PDB file of N, CA and C in Angstrom:
ATOM      1  N   MET A   1      -2.933 -20.210   4.510  1.00  0.00           N
ATOM      2  CA  MET A   1      -1.921 -19.414   3.833  1.00  0.00           C
ATOM      3  C   MET A   1      -1.010 -18.757   4.860  1.00  0.00           C
ATOM      4  N   LYS A   2      -1.614 -18.046   5.809  1.00  0.00           N
ATOM      5  CA  LYS A   2      -0.811 -17.319   6.788  1.00  0.00           C
ATOM      6  C   LYS A   2      -0.041 -18.287   7.691  1.00  0.00           C
ATOM      7  N   SER A   3      -0.682 -19.424   8.042  1.00  0.00           N
ATOM      8  CA  SER A   3      -0.016 -20.376   8.926  1.00  0.00           C
ATOM      9  C   SER A   3       1.208 -20.982   8.235  1.00  0.00           C
ATOM     10  N   ASP A   4       1.105 -21.223   6.918  1.00  0.00           N
ATOM     11  CA  ASP A   4       2.259 -21.735   6.174  1.00  0.00           C
ATOM     12  C   ASP A   4       3.399 -20.733   6.227  1.00  0.00           C
ATOM     13  N   ALA A   5       3.056 -19.469   6.045  1.00  0.00           N
ATOM     14  CA  ALA A   5       4.079 -18.427   6.077  1.00  0.00           C
ATOM     15  C   ALA A   5       4.710 -18.353   7.465  1.00  0.00           C
ATOM     16  N   LEU A   6       3.874 -18.529   8.498  1.00  0.00           N
ATOM     17  CA  LEU A   6       4.401 -18.508   9.865  1.00  0.00           C
ATOM     18  C   LEU A   6       5.351 -19.666  10.089  1.00  0.00           C
ATOM     19  N   LYS A   7       4.970 -20.864   9.620  1.00  0.00           N
ATOM     20  CA  LYS A   7       5.843 -22.039   9.762  1.00  0.00           C
ATOM     21  C   LYS A   7       7.174 -21.780   9.076  1.00  0.00           C
ATOM     22  N   TRP A   8       7.114 -21.201   7.870  1.00  0.00           N
ATOM     23  CA  TRP A   8       8.329 -20.899   7.124  1.00  0.00           C
ATOM     24  C   TRP A   8       9.192 -19.914   7.894  1.00  0.00           C
ATOM     25  N   ALA A   9       8.550 -18.876   8.467  1.00  0.00           N
ATOM     26  CA  ALA A   9       9.289 -17.863   9.224  1.00  0.00           C
ATOM     27  C   ALA A   9       9.982 -18.499  10.424  1.00  0.00           C
ATOM     28  N   ARG A  10       9.283 -19.411  11.098  1.00  0.00           N
ATOM     29  CA  ARG A  10       9.878 -20.082  12.270  1.00  0.00           C
ATOM     30  C   ARG A  10      11.072 -20.920  11.835  1.00  0.00           C
ATOM     31  N   LYS A  11      10.951 -21.595  10.681  1.00  0.00           N
ATOM     32  CA  LYS A  11      12.057 -22.405  10.173  1.00  0.00           C
ATOM     33  C   LYS A  11      13.272 -21.536   9.897  1.00  0.00           C
ATOM     34  N   GLN A  12      13.024 -20.326   9.415  1.00  0.00           N
ATOM     35  CA  GLN A  12      14.121 -19.408   9.105  1.00  0.00           C
ATOM     36  C   GLN A  12      14.711 -18.809  10.379  1.00  0.00           C
ATOM     37  N   GLY A  13      14.094 -19.074  11.523  1.00  0.00           N
ATOM     38  CA  GLY A  13      14.591 -18.566  12.784  1.00  0.00           C
ATOM     39  C   GLY A  13      14.053 -17.181  13.121  1.00  0.00           C
ATOM     40  N   LEU A  14      12.986 -16.809  12.451  1.00  0.00           N
ATOM     41  CA  LEU A  14      12.363 -15.510  12.745  1.00  0.00           C
ATOM     42  C   LEU A  14      11.333 -15.692  13.848  1.00  0.00           C
ATOM     43  N   SER A  15      11.253 -14.716  14.724  1.00  0.00           N
ATOM     44  CA  SER A  15      10.239 -14.789  15.770  1.00  0.00           C
ATOM     45  C   SER A  15       8.884 -14.394  15.187  1.00  0.00           C
ATOM     46  N   THR A  16       7.829 -14.747  15.887  1.00  0.00           N
ATOM     47  CA  THR A  16       6.480 -14.441  15.416  1.00  0.00           C
ATOM     48  C   THR A  16       6.279 -12.931  15.321  1.00  0.00           C
ATOM     49  N   THR A  17       6.814 -12.185  16.296  1.00  0.00           N
ATOM     50  CA  THR A  17       6.629 -10.731  16.285  1.00  0.00           C
ATOM     51  C   THR A  17       7.284 -10.114  15.051  1.00  0.00           C
ATOM     52  N   HIS A  18       8.472 -10.624  14.697  1.00  0.00           N
ATOM     53  CA  HIS A  18       9.146 -10.117  13.503  1.00  0.00           C
ATOM     54  C   HIS A  18       8.297 -10.392  12.272  1.00  0.00           C
ATOM     55  N   PHE A  19       7.724 -11.584  12.232  1.00  0.00           N
ATOM     56  CA  PHE A  19       6.892 -11.951  11.085  1.00  0.00           C
ATOM     57  C   PHE A  19       5.673 -11.036  11.000  1.00  0.00           C
ATOM     58  N   VAL A  20       5.039 -10.803  12.139  1.00  0.00           N
ATOM     59  CA  VAL A  20       3.846  -9.946  12.172  1.00  0.00           C
ATOM     60  C   VAL A  20       4.216  -8.530  11.746  1.00  0.00           C
ATOM     61  N   GLN A  21       5.362  -8.040  12.217  1.00  0.00           N
ATOM     62  CA  GLN A  21       5.808  -6.702  11.828  1.00  0.00           C
ATOM     63  C   GLN A  21       6.028  -6.623  10.321  1.00  0.00           C
ATOM     64  N   ALA A  22       6.649  -7.653   9.758  1.00  0.00           N
ATOM     65  CA  ALA A  22       6.908  -7.671   8.318  1.00  0.00           C
ATOM     66  C   ALA A  22       5.581  -7.692   7.551  1.00  0.00           C
ATOM     67  N   GLU A  23       4.632  -8.507   7.999  1.00  0.00           N
ATOM     68  CA  GLU A  23       3.313  -8.581   7.358  1.00  0.00           C
ATOM     69  C   GLU A  23       2.628  -7.216   7.418  1.00  0.00           C
ATOM     70  N   THR A  24       2.668  -6.583   8.601  1.00  0.00           N
ATOM     71  CA  THR A  24       2.023  -5.288   8.782  1.00  0.00           C
ATOM     72  C   THR A  24       2.639  -4.260   7.847  1.00  0.00           C
ATOM     73  N   LEU A  25       3.968  -4.271   7.748  1.00  0.00           N
ATOM     74  CA  LEU A  25       4.662  -3.343   6.856  1.00  0.00           C
ATOM     75  C   LEU A  25       4.229  -3.555   5.418  1.00  0.00           C
ATOM     76  N   ARG A  26       4.111  -4.832   5.026  1.00  0.00           N
ATOM     77  CA  ARG A  26       3.707  -5.127   3.653  1.00  0.00           C
ATOM     78  C   ARG A  26       2.309  -4.592   3.372  1.00  0.00           C
ATOM     79  N   GLN A  27       1.398  -4.807   4.335  1.00  0.00           N
ATOM     80  CA  GLN A  27       0.027  -4.308   4.178  1.00  0.00           C
ATOM     81  C   GLN A  27       0.023  -2.780   4.083  1.00  0.00           C
ATOM     82  N   LEU A  28       0.818  -2.127   4.943  1.00  0.00           N
ATOM     83  CA  LEU A  28       0.895  -0.663   4.942  1.00  0.00           C
ATOM     84  C   LEU A  28       1.397  -0.148   3.605  1.00  0.00           C
ATOM     85  N   CYS A  29       2.407  -0.816   3.050  1.00  0.00           N
ATOM     86  CA  CYS A  29       2.942  -0.404   1.747  1.00  0.00           C
ATOM     87  C   CYS A  29       1.855  -0.505   0.687  1.00  0.00           C
ATOM     88  N   ARG A  30       1.104  -1.615   0.733  1.00  0.00           N
ATOM     89  CA  ARG A  30       0.039  -1.822  -0.252  1.00  0.00           C
ATOM     90  C   ARG A  30      -1.005  -0.710  -0.131  1.00  0.00           C
ATOM     91  N   ILE A  31      -1.408  -0.389   1.104  1.00  0.00           N
ATOM     92  CA  ILE A  31      -2.413   0.654   1.337  1.00  0.00           C
ATOM     93  C   ILE A  31      -1.880   2.000   0.847  1.00  0.00           C
ATOM     94  N   THR A  32      -0.599   2.277   1.130  1.00  0.00           N
ATOM     95  CA  THR A  32       0.000   3.551   0.728  1.00  0.00           C
ATOM     96  C   THR A  32      -0.011   3.696  -0.786  1.00  0.00           C
ATOM     97  N   ILE A  33       0.324   2.608  -1.503  1.00  0.00           N
ATOM     98  CA  ILE A  33       0.340   2.645  -2.967  1.00  0.00           C
ATOM     99  C   ILE A  33      -1.067   2.942  -3.489  1.00  0.00           C
ATOM    100  N   VAL A  34      -2.060   2.275  -2.914  1.00  0.00           N
ATOM    101  CA  VAL A  34      -3.444   2.500  -3.339  1.00  0.00           C
ATOM    102  C   VAL A  34      -3.837   3.954  -3.101  1.00  0.00           C
ATOM    103  N   LEU A  35      -3.482   4.479  -1.926  1.00  0.00           N
ATOM    104  CA  LEU A  35      -3.804   5.876  -1.607  1.00  0.00           C
ATOM    105  C   LEU A  35      -3.115   6.829  -2.571  1.00  0.00           C
ATOM    106  N   GLN A  36      -1.870   6.530  -2.933  1.00  0.00           N
ATOM    107  CA  GLN A  36      -1.144   7.386  -3.872  1.00  0.00           C
ATOM    108  C   GLN A  36      -1.832   7.376  -5.234  1.00  0.00           C
ATOM    109  N   ILE A  37      -2.287   6.202  -5.662  1.00  0.00           N
ATOM    110  CA  ILE A  37      -2.974   6.096  -6.955  1.00  0.00           C
ATOM    111  C   ILE A  37      -4.255   6.923  -6.919  1.00  0.00           C
ATOM    112  N   ILE A  38      -5.019   6.803  -5.818  1.00  0.00           N
ATOM    113  CA  ILE A  38      -6.264   7.567  -5.677  1.00  0.00           C
ATOM    114  C   ILE A  38      -5.967   9.059  -5.677  1.00  0.00           C
ATOM    115  N   ALA A  39      -4.953   9.462  -4.904  1.00  0.00           N
ATOM    116  CA  ALA A  39      -4.592  10.880  -4.813  1.00  0.00           C
ATOM    117  C   ALA A  39      -4.174  11.416  -6.178  1.00  0.00           C
ATOM    118  N   ALA A  40      -3.397  10.632  -6.922  1.00  0.00           N
ATOM    119  CA  ALA A  40      -2.960  11.055  -8.258  1.00  0.00           C
ATOM    120  C   ALA A  40      -4.165  11.231  -9.171  1.00  0.00           C
ATOM    121  N   GLY A  41      -5.130  10.323  -9.086  1.00  0.00           N
ATOM    122  CA  GLY A  41      -6.337  10.425  -9.895  1.00  0.00           C
ATOM    123  C   GLY A  41      -7.129  11.676  -9.562  1.00  0.00           C
ATOM    124  N   VAL A  42      -7.283  11.948  -8.282  1.00  0.00           N
ATOM    125  CA  VAL A  42      -8.033  13.134  -7.842  1.00  0.00           C
ATOM    126  C   VAL A  42      -7.318  14.400  -8.314  1.00  0.00           C
ATOM    127  N   LEU A  43      -5.983  14.412  -8.148  1.00  0.00           N
ATOM    128  CA  LEU A  43      -5.203  15.579  -8.559  1.00  0.00           C
ATOM    129  C   LEU A  43      -5.317  15.832 -10.051  1.00  0.00           C
ATOM    130  N   SER A  44      -5.183  14.776 -10.853  1.00  0.00           N
ATOM    131  CA  SER A  44      -5.247  14.965 -12.299  1.00  0.00           C
ATOM    132  C   SER A  44      -6.633  15.442 -12.713  1.00  0.00           C
ATOM    133  N   ASN A  45      -7.685  14.933 -12.056  1.00  0.00           N
ATOM    134  CA  ASN A  45      -9.047  15.396 -12.350  1.00  0.00           C
ATOM    135  C   ASN A  45      -9.186  16.875 -12.020  1.00  0.00           C
ATOM    136  N   ALA A  46      -8.613  17.283 -10.891  1.00  0.00           N
ATOM    137  CA  ALA A  46      -8.690  18.690 -10.481  1.00  0.00           C
ATOM    138  C   ALA A  46      -7.959  19.567 -11.493  1.00  0.00           C
ATOM    139  N   VAL A  47      -6.798  19.129 -11.940  1.00  0.00           N
ATOM    140  CA  VAL A  47      -6.015  19.907 -12.918  1.00  0.00           C
ATOM    141  C   VAL A  47      -6.794  20.029 -14.227  1.00  0.00           C
ATOM    142  N   ILE A  48      -7.375  18.910 -14.681  1.00  0.00           N
ATOM    143  CA  ILE A  48      -8.163  18.927 -15.925  1.00  0.00           C
ATOM    144  C   ILE A  48      -9.338  19.891 -15.789  1.00  0.00           C
ATOM    145  N   ALA A  49     -10.021  19.858 -14.637  1.00  0.00           N
ATOM    146  CA  ALA A  49     -11.161  20.751 -14.411  1.00  0.00           C
ATOM    147  C   ALA A  49     -10.718  22.206 -14.420  1.00  0.00           C
ATOM    148  N   LEU A  50      -9.585  22.490 -13.744  1.00  0.00           N
ATOM    149  CA  LEU A  50      -9.075  23.869 -13.698  1.00  0.00           C
ATOM    150  C   LEU A  50      -8.709  24.362 -15.095  1.00  0.00           C
ATOM    151  N   VAL A  51      -8.024  23.536 -15.862  1.00  0.00           N
ATOM    152  CA  VAL A  51      -7.629  23.919 -17.220  1.00  0.00           C
ATOM    153  C   VAL A  51      -8.881  24.152 -18.069  1.00  0.00           C
ATOM    154  N   GLY A  52      -9.890  23.276 -17.892  1.00  0.00           N
ATOM    155  CA  GLY A  52     -11.143  23.438 -18.629  1.00  0.00           C
ATOM    156  C   GLY A  52     -11.807  24.768 -18.322  1.00  0.00           C
ATOM    157  N   VAL A  53     -11.844  25.137 -17.044  1.00  0.00           N
ATOM    158  CA  VAL A  53     -12.450  26.413 -16.635  1.00  0.00           C
ATOM    159  C   VAL A  53     -11.631  27.573 -17.196  1.00  0.00           C
ATOM    160  N   TRP A  54     -10.293  27.434 -17.128  1.00  0.00           N
ATOM    161  CA  TRP A  54      -9.391  28.493 -17.572  1.00  0.00           C
ATOM    162  C   TRP A  54      -9.509  28.722 -19.080  1.00  0.00           C
ATOM    163  N   LEU A  55      -9.660  27.629 -19.857  1.00  0.00           N
ATOM    164  CA  LEU A  55      -9.742  27.744 -21.319  1.00  0.00           C
ATOM    165  C   LEU A  55     -11.093  28.278 -21.769  1.00  0.00           C
ATOM    166  N   ARG A  56     -12.103  28.157 -20.919  1.00  0.00           N
ATOM    167  CA  ARG A  56     -13.439  28.579 -21.310  1.00  0.00           C
ATOM    168  C   ARG A  56     -13.509  30.035 -21.445  1.00  0.00           C
TER     169      ARG A  56
END
């Protein structure tokens, strides 16, 4: 899979380093999105818990 993408990048005239940088950026974006989803879940749980304590 990755080698095909590399071949394609070379055909487009992109250097290997540019391709690696683009891949790394894509992975970082994916990780960031996952972290944001986790953080949002934790935050909403905390808010629900606080409201529950406050209403009690």
